[in-house]
Each structure stands twice: as C-alpha cells, then as structure tokens.
Amino acid sequence: MREVEYFYSAHSAYAYLGSKRLSEICAAHGCALKHYPVALTPVVEASGAQPFPQRSRTHVDYYFGREIERWAEWRGVPIIDHRPTHHDNDYSRANGMILRAPDEARDALAHAVLEAHWRDDADLANPGTLVSIADGIRLDGAALLGEADKLSTRDQLDANTEEAIRRGVLGSPSYFLDGDMFYGQDRLEMLERALETPFAAPGFTNP
C-alpha cells in the first residue's frame, strides 16, 4: 500500500481546508495516511520564512484572510468569519491527542480538531474542549488527554518537528509521496495526479 506522509499542526487553517479532500483522495486510491503533527513555528522559521508576528498586515490580510475565505468556498468547507479567538494558544495537547489516537480513528480526530477550531472557534488549549471533541467522535477523550500529557508523547512531537525541519518542510500542511513534497492544500490535486501517474524525476537545479 502506498503512503502519504502528512505534516501539519492542529490549528492550521490550510490543513483544515484540505483535510476532507485529503481523506477522499487517500480513500479513492487505497492509500494510507501517516500523520506527523508538529510544532509549526520552529518549522516555519527553520525554513527561512518570516516569523508570523513579523509579517506585514498586507500579507496577513491576504494569505490568512481572503485566501482562506476563497478556498473555504471552493472546497465547500464551513469556517468562522474571523481569525479564531484562541489561535495563539498552545495547541501541543491537541497535537498529542491526534498522535495517540487509535490508528483507525486518527484521520477523524485530526479533522474534528481542525474543524472545531476553524468552524466553531474552539480553544485547542482547553482540556475540556479537547475531551469533548474526542468524545464527539466516540473516542475516550479523557484517556487521550492523559496520553497527550505523557513525556513520551511530547518527545515524539519534538521528533516529528525535527523530522519536518530535516526534510525541509515549509509549513502546514505538507504532504510527501515517495519522498516528493507537496506543500499546501492547493497542491492536493497534484498529489492525486502523482498517485495516478507519477511526475518525472526532479531534474531542475539552481546555481
């Protein structure tokens, strides 16, 4: 079975916008999805991109405003009409719960967490909220929260973040198929094409 490696954060707008479509693509092509939830800020900064707080108002309004609106409409994905109230809160527990979810439920929990944040304005740092999200898809939210708080889970999330940096991940979401990276949910159709007909091997070089 072929496998898509999925690097993202639990609060990522663009991961949410592509989440449903990604699952559809993987199901249609009998492809496994391997989740790598990461701490996004160190990944973005390691890539050389400007830290989020230092980006211009023009950039923020376009890329994290208008583009989100248009892609939500294009994908048929419901979103709130503003930046989530608690977007800057710690989302490491949400990442940890996704990481420790049963294999057969991880896709559903990842989508539920992303959806709660971007559709319902959920605070992903609130333990009760996280438990409720997991319970809502018939998982044991309290048990998953306990797993998320374990040192071994935090260590694995750190390892995921380091792996993303090592591979040159540019942001969330990034997908790898056979070692080839597709950055951004706007590359999902290219990912699907690669599952059907592989692209030519890389050959372009920069001086």
Protein backbone atom coordinates (compact mmCIF):
# COMPACT_ATOMS: atom_id res chain seq x y z
CA MET A 1 0.00 0.00 0.00
CA ARG A 2 1.31 3.44 -0.89
CA GLU A 3 1.56 6.02 1.85
CA VAL A 4 1.18 9.77 2.11
CA GLU A 5 3.13 11.38 4.93
CA TYR A 6 1.19 14.33 6.33
CA PHE A 7 2.99 17.12 8.23
CA TYR A 8 0.67 19.70 9.82
CA SER A 9 -0.38 21.41 13.03
CA ALA A 10 -3.68 21.00 14.85
CA HIS A 11 -4.56 24.70 14.48
CA SER A 12 -3.63 25.15 10.82
CA ALA A 13 -6.22 26.84 8.61
CA TYR A 14 -4.90 25.33 5.42
CA ALA A 15 -4.65 21.85 6.91
CA TYR A 16 -8.34 22.21 7.79
CA LEU A 17 -9.27 23.43 4.32
CA GLY A 18 -7.63 20.38 2.75
CA SER A 19 -8.47 17.79 5.41
CA LYS A 20 -11.65 16.38 3.92
CA ARG A 21 -10.27 16.37 0.38
CA LEU A 22 -7.09 14.63 1.53
CA SER A 23 -9.11 11.83 3.11
CA GLU A 24 -11.17 11.48 -0.07
CA ILE A 25 -8.04 11.20 -2.21
CA CYS A 26 -6.45 8.61 0.04
CA ALA A 27 -9.66 6.54 0.18
CA ALA A 28 -10.12 6.67 -3.59
CA HIS A 29 -6.57 5.46 -4.21
CA GLY A 30 -6.30 2.93 -1.37
CA CYS A 31 -3.52 4.99 0.13
CA ALA A 32 -2.52 5.06 3.80
CA LEU A 33 -2.13 8.41 5.57
CA LYS A 34 0.70 8.73 8.08
CA HIS A 35 0.24 11.67 10.44
CA TYR A 36 3.09 13.89 11.63
CA PRO A 37 1.60 16.61 13.86
CA VAL A 38 4.30 19.23 14.51
CA ALA A 39 5.02 22.46 16.34
CA LEU A 40 4.59 24.84 13.43
CA THR A 41 6.55 27.95 14.43
CA PRO A 42 10.00 26.32 14.59
CA VAL A 43 9.34 24.54 11.29
CA VAL A 44 8.39 27.77 9.53
CA GLU A 45 11.29 29.71 10.99
CA ALA A 46 13.79 26.95 10.13
CA SER A 47 12.67 27.19 6.51
CA GLY A 48 13.78 30.83 6.44
CA ALA A 49 10.28 32.29 6.36
CA GLN A 50 9.49 35.40 8.36
CA PRO A 51 8.05 34.66 11.83
CA PHE A 52 4.26 35.04 11.87
CA PRO A 53 4.15 38.10 14.20
CA GLN A 54 6.56 39.99 11.93
CA ARG A 55 4.59 39.57 8.69
CA SER A 56 3.02 42.63 7.14
CA ARG A 57 -0.66 43.47 7.50
CA THR A 58 -0.98 43.16 3.71
CA HIS A 59 0.37 39.60 3.81
CA VAL A 60 -1.78 38.59 6.77
CA ASP A 61 -4.97 40.08 5.35
CA TYR A 62 -4.47 38.34 2.02
CA TYR A 63 -2.94 34.96 2.85
CA PHE A 64 -4.63 34.46 6.22
CA GLY A 65 -7.84 36.25 5.32
CA ARG A 66 -9.06 36.48 1.76
CA GLU A 67 -7.33 33.30 0.60
CA ILE A 68 -8.89 31.33 3.46
CA GLU A 69 -12.33 32.67 2.53
CA ARG A 70 -11.96 31.75 -1.12
CA TRP A 71 -10.54 28.30 -0.51
CA ALA A 72 -13.26 27.54 2.04
CA GLU A 73 -15.87 28.41 -0.57
CA TRP A 74 -14.03 26.44 -3.25
CA ARG A 75 -13.72 23.34 -1.08
CA GLY A 76 -17.20 23.68 0.43
CA VAL A 77 -15.75 23.89 3.94
CA PRO A 78 -17.50 25.91 6.67
CA ILE A 79 -15.40 28.48 8.53
CA ILE A 80 -15.96 31.27 11.02
CA ASP A 81 -15.73 34.84 9.72
CA HIS A 82 -12.65 35.86 11.74
CA ARG A 83 -9.32 34.59 12.97
CA PRO A 84 -10.06 32.09 15.76
CA THR A 85 -10.20 33.83 19.12
CA HIS A 86 -7.71 31.45 20.75
CA HIS A 87 -5.48 30.88 17.73
CA ASP A 88 -2.27 31.81 19.55
CA ASN A 89 -2.88 29.48 22.48
CA ASP A 90 -0.83 26.31 22.98
CA TYR A 91 -2.03 23.51 20.68
CA SER A 92 0.53 20.88 21.75
CA ARG A 93 -2.07 18.85 23.65
CA ALA A 94 -4.28 18.76 20.56
CA ASN A 95 -1.31 17.53 18.53
CA GLY A 96 -0.58 14.95 21.20
CA MET A 97 -4.12 13.60 21.26
CA ILE A 98 -4.05 13.18 17.49
CA LEU A 99 -0.71 11.42 17.74
CA ARG A 100 -2.05 8.95 20.33
CA ALA A 101 -5.45 8.32 18.74
CA PRO A 102 -6.10 4.76 17.54
CA ASP A 103 -4.82 4.26 14.01
CA GLU A 104 -8.30 3.73 12.61
CA ALA A 105 -9.59 6.96 14.21
CA ARG A 106 -6.65 9.32 13.71
CA ASP A 107 -7.93 10.80 10.44
CA ALA A 108 -11.31 11.53 12.01
CA LEU A 109 -9.87 13.08 15.16
CA ALA A 110 -7.46 15.28 13.20
CA HIS A 111 -10.33 16.58 11.09
CA ALA A 112 -12.57 17.06 14.14
CA VAL A 113 -9.92 19.11 15.95
CA LEU A 114 -9.21 21.29 12.91
CA GLU A 115 -12.92 21.74 12.25
CA ALA A 116 -13.71 22.67 15.84
CA HIS A 117 -11.05 25.38 15.75
CA TRP A 118 -11.95 26.89 12.38
CA ARG A 119 -15.70 26.31 12.28
CA ASP A 120 -16.64 26.58 15.95
CA ASP A 121 -13.88 28.87 17.33
CA ALA A 122 -12.77 26.16 19.77
CA ASP A 123 -9.86 26.79 22.14
CA LEU A 124 -7.41 23.95 21.50
CA ALA A 125 -5.61 24.68 24.75
CA ASN A 126 -8.71 23.95 26.83
CA PRO A 127 -8.61 20.37 28.16
CA GLY A 128 -12.39 20.12 28.48
CA THR A 129 -12.83 21.26 24.89
CA LEU A 130 -10.36 18.67 23.64
CA VAL A 131 -12.06 15.90 25.61
CA SER A 132 -15.43 16.95 24.20
CA ILE A 133 -14.11 16.91 20.62
CA ALA A 134 -12.75 13.38 21.04
CA ASP A 135 -15.87 12.17 22.83
CA GLY A 136 -17.92 13.58 19.98
CA ILE A 137 -16.45 11.03 17.58
CA ARG A 138 -16.82 8.20 20.10
CA LEU A 139 -13.28 8.16 21.42
CA ASP A 140 -12.27 8.23 25.08
CA GLY A 141 -11.32 11.89 25.32
CA ALA A 142 -10.09 11.76 28.92
CA ALA A 143 -7.81 8.82 28.18
CA LEU A 144 -6.40 10.52 25.09
CA LEU A 145 -5.79 13.71 27.05
CA GLY A 146 -3.83 11.67 29.58
CA GLU A 147 -1.75 10.14 26.78
CA ALA A 148 -1.11 13.58 25.31
CA ASP A 149 0.38 14.77 28.59
CA LYS A 150 2.94 11.97 28.79
CA LEU A 151 6.61 12.76 28.30
CA SER A 152 6.85 10.10 25.59
CA THR A 153 4.19 11.93 23.57
CA ARG A 154 5.94 15.26 23.92
CA ASP A 155 9.19 13.61 22.86
CA GLN A 156 7.52 12.16 19.77
CA LEU A 157 6.06 15.54 18.84
CA ASP A 158 9.54 17.04 19.17
CA ALA A 159 10.88 14.26 16.95
CA ASN A 160 8.16 14.99 14.36
CA THR A 161 9.10 18.67 14.39
CA GLU A 162 12.79 17.85 13.96
CA GLU A 163 11.94 15.47 11.11
CA ALA A 164 9.92 18.19 9.38
CA ILE A 165 12.88 20.57 9.64
CA ARG A 166 15.28 17.90 8.37
CA ARG A 167 13.10 17.28 5.33
CA GLY A 168 12.73 20.96 4.52
CA VAL A 169 9.02 21.26 5.27
CA LEU A 170 7.90 24.81 4.53
CA GLY A 171 4.66 24.93 6.51
CA SER A 172 1.35 23.27 7.25
CA PRO A 173 0.13 21.22 5.55
CA SER A 174 2.91 19.47 3.65
CA TYR A 175 2.45 16.06 2.06
CA PHE A 176 5.13 13.60 0.98
CA LEU A 177 4.60 10.86 -1.58
CA ASP A 178 7.56 8.62 -2.37
CA GLY A 179 9.83 11.29 -0.91
CA ASP A 180 8.43 14.09 -3.07
CA MET A 181 6.99 17.06 -1.12
CA PHE A 182 3.74 18.83 -2.00
CA TYR A 183 3.41 21.99 0.10
CA GLY A 184 -0.03 23.41 0.78
CA GLN A 185 -3.56 22.13 0.39
CA ASP A 186 -3.68 23.84 -3.00
CA ARG A 187 -1.34 21.05 -4.18
CA LEU A 188 -3.81 18.27 -3.36
CA GLU A 189 -4.86 17.84 -6.96
CA MET A 190 -1.19 17.47 -7.90
CA LEU A 191 -0.81 14.89 -5.14
CA GLU A 192 -3.77 13.00 -6.56
CA ARG A 193 -2.26 13.12 -10.04
CA ALA A 194 1.01 11.73 -8.61
CA LEU A 195 -0.89 8.80 -7.11
CA GLU A 196 -2.35 8.09 -10.55
CA THR A 197 0.62 9.00 -12.76
CA PRO A 198 3.97 9.81 -11.14
CA PHE A 199 5.64 13.04 -12.15
CA ALA A 200 9.03 12.93 -13.87
CA ALA A 201 12.00 12.69 -11.52
CA PRO A 202 13.39 16.00 -10.26
CA GLY A 203 15.94 17.50 -12.60
CA PHE A 204 15.86 21.27 -12.15
CA THR A 205 18.88 22.79 -10.43
CA ASN A 206 19.59 26.23 -9.04
CA PRO A 207 23.07 27.78 -9.35
